[in-house]
Amino acid sequence: MKKIELAAIMPIVLASLLFLTFGGCAKKEVRVKANKEVVNLVKTWDKNLSFYTSKKNPLTTIENLRQNEIACWDWQFADKIQAFYNAAGTNRTYGNAVQIIPPHNVAFANNSPRLYLTATGNEPKLKDAVRVVFTE
């Protein structure tokens, strides 16, 4: 009797482990193509700051990224966003303006913003978001 129960349970346990290992875990980060200036700039920032993008429709490159598609959590990050504009060569429709959105109001599902800067501690508040790692 015990052999039959064990034989029935083992495939379920094995399938569960495989799912968790290879397919069940959500992406924690996405690689976004950027120029060398952006990659180097972001490396100089505090490690407790990160950019995020939509998990369902992630940004793949900063090329053609518009100013109104970039936002941050707090006005204290405005200088970082403005430095990002410079490094990325972002076309500034609104001068040095920076879009400020609290983490609980970020709606990545609507692709606005496409790129969002916040403290990593806010990550749990971000719905449908994935952390960005810039690569050349």
Protein backbone atom coordinates (compact mmCIF):
# COMPACT_ATOMS: atom_id res chain seq x y z
CA MET A 1 0.00 0.00 0.00
CA LYS A 2 2.80 2.47 0.85
CA LYS A 3 4.57 1.79 -2.44
CA ILE A 4 1.44 2.75 -4.37
CA GLU A 5 1.02 6.01 -2.38
CA LEU A 6 4.68 6.89 -2.85
CA ALA A 7 4.49 6.09 -6.56
CA ALA A 8 1.50 8.42 -6.88
CA ILE A 9 3.04 11.28 -4.92
CA MET A 10 6.56 11.28 -6.40
CA PRO A 11 5.60 12.48 -9.91
CA ILE A 12 3.63 15.37 -8.38
CA VAL A 13 6.55 16.38 -6.16
CA LEU A 14 9.02 16.12 -9.06
CA ALA A 15 6.79 18.17 -11.37
CA SER A 16 6.36 20.84 -8.68
CA LEU A 17 10.12 21.11 -8.17
CA LEU A 18 10.77 21.38 -11.90
CA PHE A 19 8.10 24.05 -12.27
CA LEU A 20 9.55 26.13 -9.43
CA THR A 21 13.10 25.71 -10.69
CA PHE A 22 12.60 26.39 -14.38
CA GLY A 23 9.23 27.91 -15.12
CA GLY A 24 7.39 29.10 -12.09
CA CYS A 25 9.65 31.85 -10.85
CA ALA A 26 8.97 35.28 -12.23
CA LYS A 27 11.75 37.24 -13.85
CA LYS A 28 13.52 39.42 -11.34
CA GLU A 29 15.26 41.57 -13.92
CA VAL A 30 15.33 42.38 -17.60
CA ARG A 31 18.29 43.53 -19.67
CA VAL A 32 17.77 46.79 -21.54
CA LYS A 33 20.12 47.90 -24.29
CA ALA A 34 21.66 51.30 -23.60
CA ASN A 35 24.70 53.30 -24.60
CA LYS A 36 27.94 53.29 -22.63
CA GLU A 37 27.16 56.65 -21.00
CA VAL A 38 23.92 55.33 -19.46
CA VAL A 39 25.54 52.09 -18.29
CA ASN A 40 28.38 54.00 -16.62
CA LEU A 41 26.09 56.66 -15.12
CA VAL A 42 23.77 54.18 -13.44
CA LYS A 43 26.75 52.28 -11.99
CA THR A 44 27.71 55.41 -10.01
CA TRP A 45 24.32 55.61 -8.27
CA ASP A 46 23.42 54.22 -4.86
CA LYS A 47 22.78 50.47 -5.05
CA ASN A 48 19.41 51.05 -3.35
CA LEU A 49 18.09 52.78 -6.50
CA SER A 50 16.82 50.87 -9.49
CA PHE A 51 14.93 51.41 -12.69
CA TYR A 52 11.86 49.26 -13.39
CA THR A 53 9.81 48.51 -16.48
CA SER A 54 6.66 46.58 -17.35
CA LYS A 55 6.88 42.84 -16.72
CA LYS A 56 4.32 42.10 -19.47
CA ASN A 57 5.77 44.47 -22.06
CA PRO A 58 9.34 45.22 -20.92
CA LEU A 59 11.47 47.91 -22.41
CA THR A 60 14.24 46.36 -24.53
CA THR A 61 16.21 49.47 -25.49
CA ILE A 62 16.42 53.12 -24.51
CA GLU A 63 16.53 54.06 -28.19
CA ASN A 64 13.62 56.39 -29.02
CA LEU A 65 12.52 56.49 -25.37
CA ARG A 66 10.56 59.71 -24.87
CA GLN A 67 10.76 62.04 -21.89
CA ASN A 68 7.11 61.43 -20.97
CA GLU A 69 7.82 57.66 -20.75
CA ILE A 70 10.33 58.15 -17.91
CA ALA A 71 9.32 58.82 -14.30
CA CYS A 72 10.60 58.57 -10.75
CA TRP A 73 9.24 58.15 -7.25
CA ASP A 74 10.41 61.34 -5.59
CA TRP A 75 11.49 64.85 -6.59
CA GLN A 76 14.85 64.07 -4.91
CA PHE A 77 15.60 61.81 -7.89
CA ALA A 78 15.00 64.59 -10.44
CA ASP A 79 18.72 65.25 -10.84
CA LYS A 80 19.29 61.56 -11.60
CA ILE A 81 16.53 61.53 -14.21
CA GLN A 82 17.93 64.70 -15.80
CA ALA A 83 21.42 63.13 -15.88
CA PHE A 84 19.81 60.06 -17.47
CA TYR A 85 18.21 62.31 -20.13
CA ASN A 86 21.66 63.70 -20.95
CA ALA A 87 23.40 60.31 -21.05
CA ALA A 88 20.61 58.67 -23.06
CA GLY A 89 20.22 61.58 -25.47
CA THR A 90 16.51 61.76 -24.63
CA ASN A 91 14.57 64.28 -26.72
CA ARG A 92 13.21 66.71 -24.12
CA THR A 93 9.78 67.91 -25.13
CA TYR A 94 9.28 69.50 -21.68
CA GLY A 95 12.75 70.92 -20.95
CA ASN A 96 14.16 69.59 -17.68
CA ALA A 97 10.74 68.52 -16.35
CA VAL A 98 10.62 65.20 -14.50
CA GLN A 99 7.49 63.10 -14.03
CA ILE A 100 6.92 62.14 -10.36
CA ILE A 101 4.66 59.14 -9.61
CA PRO A 102 4.24 57.39 -6.24
CA PRO A 103 5.05 53.64 -6.46
CA HIS A 104 1.48 52.53 -5.74
CA ASN A 105 0.20 54.61 -8.70
CA VAL A 106 2.58 53.30 -11.37
CA ALA A 107 0.51 51.67 -14.12
CA PHE A 108 2.97 49.67 -16.21
CA ALA A 109 0.05 47.87 -17.83
CA ASN A 110 -0.67 51.07 -19.79
CA ASN A 111 3.02 51.54 -20.75
CA SER A 112 3.19 54.75 -18.80
CA PRO A 113 5.84 55.07 -17.67
CA ARG A 114 8.07 52.73 -19.67
CA LEU A 115 10.99 53.37 -17.29
CA TYR A 116 10.60 54.15 -13.58
CA LEU A 117 13.28 55.02 -11.02
CA THR A 118 12.67 54.29 -7.35
CA ALA A 119 14.27 52.94 -4.21
CA THR A 120 14.55 49.14 -4.27
CA GLY A 121 12.54 49.06 -1.04
CA ASN A 122 9.51 50.11 -3.10
CA GLU A 123 9.76 47.07 -5.36
CA PRO A 124 6.96 45.16 -3.56
CA LYS A 125 4.59 48.10 -4.21
CA LEU A 126 5.17 47.99 -7.95
CA LYS A 127 2.55 45.94 -9.73
CA ASP A 128 3.56 44.13 -12.92
CA ALA A 129 7.12 45.50 -12.78
CA VAL A 130 10.56 44.02 -13.33
CA ARG A 131 13.94 45.51 -12.45
CA VAL A 132 16.04 46.92 -15.29
CA VAL A 133 19.73 46.17 -15.85
CA PHE A 134 21.30 48.31 -18.56
CA THR A 135 23.74 46.63 -20.96
CA GLU A 136 25.61 47.85 -24.02
